[in-house]
Amino acid sequence: MLKNIVKPTLLIQSSNDSLAAPEIGAYMAENITDSQLEIIEAEGHCLHMTDATLLTPIVIDFINNHNV
């Protein structure tokens, strides 16, 4: 199913995620065309809730660079 994603995709993963190993993010990035994987130096799985200030510039940059 990942190969069917045809839109620019930003993948964000914490460096210490208890629910998703780094290999999962890498696998997704390898199998989604035009994807970008960002590893955030943070703890946990729900970065949008625990470290939103770290995510904001990354998301804004991605949107600006991909005309999303």
Protein backbone atom coordinates (compact mmCIF):
# COMPACT_ATOMS: atom_id res chain seq x y z
CA MET A 1 0.00 0.00 0.00
CA LEU A 2 2.86 2.40 0.69
CA LYS A 3 3.88 2.35 -2.98
CA ASN A 4 0.43 3.74 -3.83
CA ILE A 5 1.03 7.00 -1.96
CA VAL A 6 1.64 9.60 -4.65
CA LYS A 7 1.79 12.83 -2.65
CA PRO A 8 4.85 14.31 -0.96
CA THR A 9 4.93 12.75 2.51
CA LEU A 10 6.70 13.91 5.65
CA LEU A 11 7.52 11.13 8.08
CA ILE A 12 8.50 12.23 11.58
CA GLN A 13 9.86 9.85 14.17
CA SER A 14 11.46 10.35 17.55
CA SER A 15 14.92 8.96 18.16
CA ASN A 16 13.55 7.00 21.11
CA ASP A 17 10.10 5.76 20.14
CA SER A 18 8.82 2.86 22.24
CA LEU A 19 6.11 1.98 19.69
CA ALA A 20 8.01 2.23 16.41
CA ALA A 21 11.62 1.17 15.94
CA PRO A 22 13.84 3.28 13.65
CA GLU A 23 13.63 0.50 11.07
CA ILE A 24 9.91 1.18 10.67
CA GLY A 25 10.47 4.81 9.72
CA ALA A 26 13.25 3.78 7.34
CA TYR A 27 11.03 1.12 5.75
CA MET A 28 8.23 3.61 5.23
CA ALA A 29 10.60 6.19 3.74
CA GLU A 30 12.03 3.59 1.35
CA ASN A 31 8.57 2.54 0.18
CA ILE A 32 6.78 5.88 -0.14
CA THR A 33 7.78 7.79 -3.25
CA ASP A 34 8.74 11.41 -2.58
CA SER A 35 8.89 10.92 1.17
CA GLN A 36 11.13 12.65 3.67
CA LEU A 37 12.02 11.05 7.00
CA GLU A 38 12.93 13.33 9.89
CA ILE A 39 14.30 11.82 13.08
CA ILE A 40 13.72 14.10 16.06
CA GLU A 41 15.95 13.87 19.13
CA ALA A 42 13.10 13.21 21.53
CA GLU A 43 11.35 10.56 23.60
CA GLY A 44 8.01 8.94 22.87
CA HIS A 45 5.61 8.29 20.03
CA CYS A 46 3.23 11.27 20.08
CA LEU A 47 5.61 14.08 19.21
CA HIS A 48 2.79 16.38 18.16
CA MET A 49 1.64 16.31 21.79
CA THR A 50 4.97 16.24 23.65
CA ASP A 51 7.35 18.20 21.41
CA ALA A 52 5.21 20.32 19.09
CA THR A 53 7.73 23.16 19.13
CA LEU A 54 10.31 20.84 17.57
CA LEU A 55 7.91 19.76 14.85
CA THR A 56 6.57 23.14 13.77
CA PRO A 57 9.62 24.38 11.81
CA ILE A 58 10.06 20.98 10.16
CA VAL A 59 6.44 20.88 9.01
CA ILE A 60 6.49 24.49 7.81
CA ASP A 61 9.70 23.88 5.86
CA PHE A 62 8.24 20.74 4.26
CA ILE A 63 5.07 22.58 3.25
CA ASN A 64 7.01 25.50 1.80
CA ASN A 65 9.31 23.20 -0.18
CA HIS A 66 6.54 21.02 -1.58
CA ASN A 67 3.77 23.54 -2.26
CA VAL A 68 1.46 21.45 -0.10
